[in-house]
Amino acid sequence: MEDYFLKEYPDIKSSDKNKAINAFNQFCSPYENIMARYIFDSGTTWPGILFHSDRVSVDYCSHVLRLILQESGVSASR
C-alpha cells in the first residue's frame, strides 16, 4: 500500500511543506463526500465530533476538582 501511495502522491514526503500539504489534500479529496455523508447520516456534525473530546475533558476536570475540594473540606455545591 505504501508503494502505491508514494507512487501516486510522491510529494507527500517532500521537504517543502506546501507540496506535502497539496499531495495530502489530493489524496483526501475523493473521500470527503463519503465521510460527510456518513457523519450526517449518523445524526452528528463535524464540529460535534471535534468538540466532543473538549466536553469530555471539561467533565473530567470538573469531577477531579470536585473530588479535590471534597477532600480538603470545601463545599463544591453551587
C-alpha atoms as a PDB file:
ATOM      1  CA  MET A   1       0.000   0.000   0.000  1.00  0.00           C
ATOM      2  CA  GLU A   2       2.797   2.413   0.845  1.00  0.00           C
ATOM      3  CA  ASP A   3       4.423   1.845  -2.551  1.00  0.00           C
ATOM      4  CA  TYR A   4       1.154   2.663  -4.324  1.00  0.00           C
ATOM      5  CA  PHE A   5       0.599   5.693  -2.132  1.00  0.00           C
ATOM      6  CA  LEU A   6       4.094   7.077  -2.750  1.00  0.00           C
ATOM      7  CA  LYS A   7       3.836   6.286  -6.454  1.00  0.00           C
ATOM      8  CA  GLU A   8       0.539   8.178  -6.787  1.00  0.00           C
ATOM      9  CA  TYR A   9       1.465  11.009  -4.397  1.00  0.00           C
ATOM     10  CA  PRO A  10       5.272  11.334  -4.431  1.00  0.00           C
ATOM     11  CA  ASP A  11       5.224  14.844  -2.949  1.00  0.00           C
ATOM     12  CA  ILE A  12       3.755  13.544   0.302  1.00  0.00           C
ATOM     13  CA  LYS A  13       7.290  13.106   1.669  1.00  0.00           C
ATOM     14  CA  SER A  14       8.552  16.370   0.219  1.00  0.00           C
ATOM     15  CA  SER A  15      10.555  18.645   2.485  1.00  0.00           C
ATOM     16  CA  ASP A  16       8.528  21.507   1.004  1.00  0.00           C
ATOM     17  CA  LYS A  17       5.530  21.736   3.346  1.00  0.00           C
ATOM     18  CA  ASN A  18       3.278  23.254   0.662  1.00  0.00           C
ATOM     19  CA  LYS A  19       3.908  20.349  -1.717  1.00  0.00           C
ATOM     20  CA  ALA A  20       3.300  17.811   1.058  1.00  0.00           C
ATOM     21  CA  ILE A  21       0.048  19.506   2.097  1.00  0.00           C
ATOM     22  CA  ASN A  22      -1.161  19.685  -1.511  1.00  0.00           C
ATOM     23  CA  ALA A  23      -0.395  15.978  -2.025  1.00  0.00           C
ATOM     24  CA  PHE A  24      -2.251  15.074   1.175  1.00  0.00           C
ATOM     25  CA  ASN A  25      -5.232  17.194   0.101  1.00  0.00           C
ATOM     26  CA  GLN A  26      -5.284  15.473  -3.298  1.00  0.00           C
ATOM     27  CA  PHE A  27      -5.332  12.095  -1.564  1.00  0.00           C
ATOM     28  CA  CYS A  28      -8.142  13.052   0.854  1.00  0.00           C
ATOM     29  CA  SER A  29     -10.317  14.972  -1.587  1.00  0.00           C
ATOM     30  CA  PRO A  30     -12.220  11.986  -3.067  1.00  0.00           C
ATOM     31  CA  TYR A  31     -13.148  10.737   0.416  1.00  0.00           C
ATOM     32  CA  GLU A  32     -14.580  13.975   1.815  1.00  0.00           C
ATOM     33  CA  ASN A  33     -18.028  13.432   0.314  1.00  0.00           C
ATOM     34  CA  ILE A  34     -18.242   9.882   1.663  1.00  0.00           C
ATOM     35  CA  MET A  35     -17.083  10.929   5.111  1.00  0.00           C
ATOM     36  CA  ALA A  36     -19.519  13.846   5.273  1.00  0.00           C
ATOM     37  CA  ARG A  37     -22.384  11.594   4.197  1.00  0.00           C
ATOM     38  CA  TYR A  38     -21.680   9.079   6.978  1.00  0.00           C
ATOM     39  CA  ILE A  39     -21.243  11.813   9.587  1.00  0.00           C
ATOM     40  CA  PHE A  40     -24.537  13.498   8.683  1.00  0.00           C
ATOM     41  CA  ASP A  41     -26.407  10.185   8.305  1.00  0.00           C
ATOM     42  CA  SER A  42     -25.334   9.241  11.826  1.00  0.00           C
ATOM     43  CA  GLY A  43     -27.030  12.405  13.100  1.00  0.00           C
ATOM     44  CA  THR A  44     -23.986  14.382  14.102  1.00  0.00           C
ATOM     45  CA  THR A  45     -21.884  17.201  12.678  1.00  0.00           C
ATOM     46  CA  TRP A  46     -18.173  17.691  12.142  1.00  0.00           C
ATOM     47  CA  PRO A  47     -17.947  20.350  14.912  1.00  0.00           C
ATOM     48  CA  GLY A  48     -19.850  17.944  17.166  1.00  0.00           C
ATOM     49  CA  ILE A  49     -17.144  15.330  16.625  1.00  0.00           C
ATOM     50  CA  LEU A  50     -14.329  17.835  17.181  1.00  0.00           C
ATOM     51  CA  PHE A  51     -15.783  19.309  20.362  1.00  0.00           C
ATOM     52  CA  HIS A  52     -16.860  16.032  21.939  1.00  0.00           C
ATOM     53  CA  SER A  53     -13.403  15.471  23.402  1.00  0.00           C
ATOM     54  CA  ASP A  54     -13.444  19.007  24.815  1.00  0.00           C
ATOM     55  CA  ARG A  55     -16.699  18.282  26.627  1.00  0.00           C
ATOM     56  CA  VAL A  56     -15.281  15.044  28.000  1.00  0.00           C
ATOM     57  CA  SER A  57     -12.144  16.859  29.201  1.00  0.00           C
ATOM     58  CA  VAL A  58     -14.159  19.556  30.949  1.00  0.00           C
ATOM     59  CA  ASP A  59     -16.365  16.925  32.616  1.00  0.00           C
ATOM     60  CA  TYR A  60     -13.294  15.052  33.809  1.00  0.00           C
ATOM     61  CA  CYS A  61     -11.597  18.199  35.143  1.00  0.00           C
ATOM     62  CA  SER A  62     -14.731  19.301  36.989  1.00  0.00           C
ATOM     63  CA  HIS A  63     -15.066  15.826  38.533  1.00  0.00           C
ATOM     64  CA  VAL A  64     -11.424  15.847  39.691  1.00  0.00           C
ATOM     65  CA  LEU A  65     -11.771  19.383  41.053  1.00  0.00           C
ATOM     66  CA  ARG A  66     -14.900  18.377  42.957  1.00  0.00           C
ATOM     67  CA  LEU A  67     -13.025  15.418  44.491  1.00  0.00           C
ATOM     68  CA  ILE A  68     -10.093  17.626  45.492  1.00  0.00           C
ATOM     69  CA  LEU A  69     -12.415  20.173  47.086  1.00  0.00           C
ATOM     70  CA  GLN A  70     -14.290  17.448  48.965  1.00  0.00           C
ATOM     71  CA  GLU A  71     -11.039  16.040  50.358  1.00  0.00           C
ATOM     72  CA  SER A  72      -9.997  19.493  51.544  1.00  0.00           C
ATOM     73  CA  GLY A  73     -13.364  20.058  53.212  1.00  0.00           C
ATOM     74  CA  VAL A  74     -14.552  22.833  50.881  1.00  0.00           C
ATOM     75  CA  SER A  75     -18.150  22.669  49.681  1.00  0.00           C
ATOM     76  CA  ALA A  76     -18.232  22.317  45.892  1.00  0.00           C
ATOM     77  CA  SER A  77     -22.005  22.709  45.514  1.00  0.00           C
ATOM     78  CA  ARG A  78     -23.323  25.927  43.975  1.00  0.00           C
END
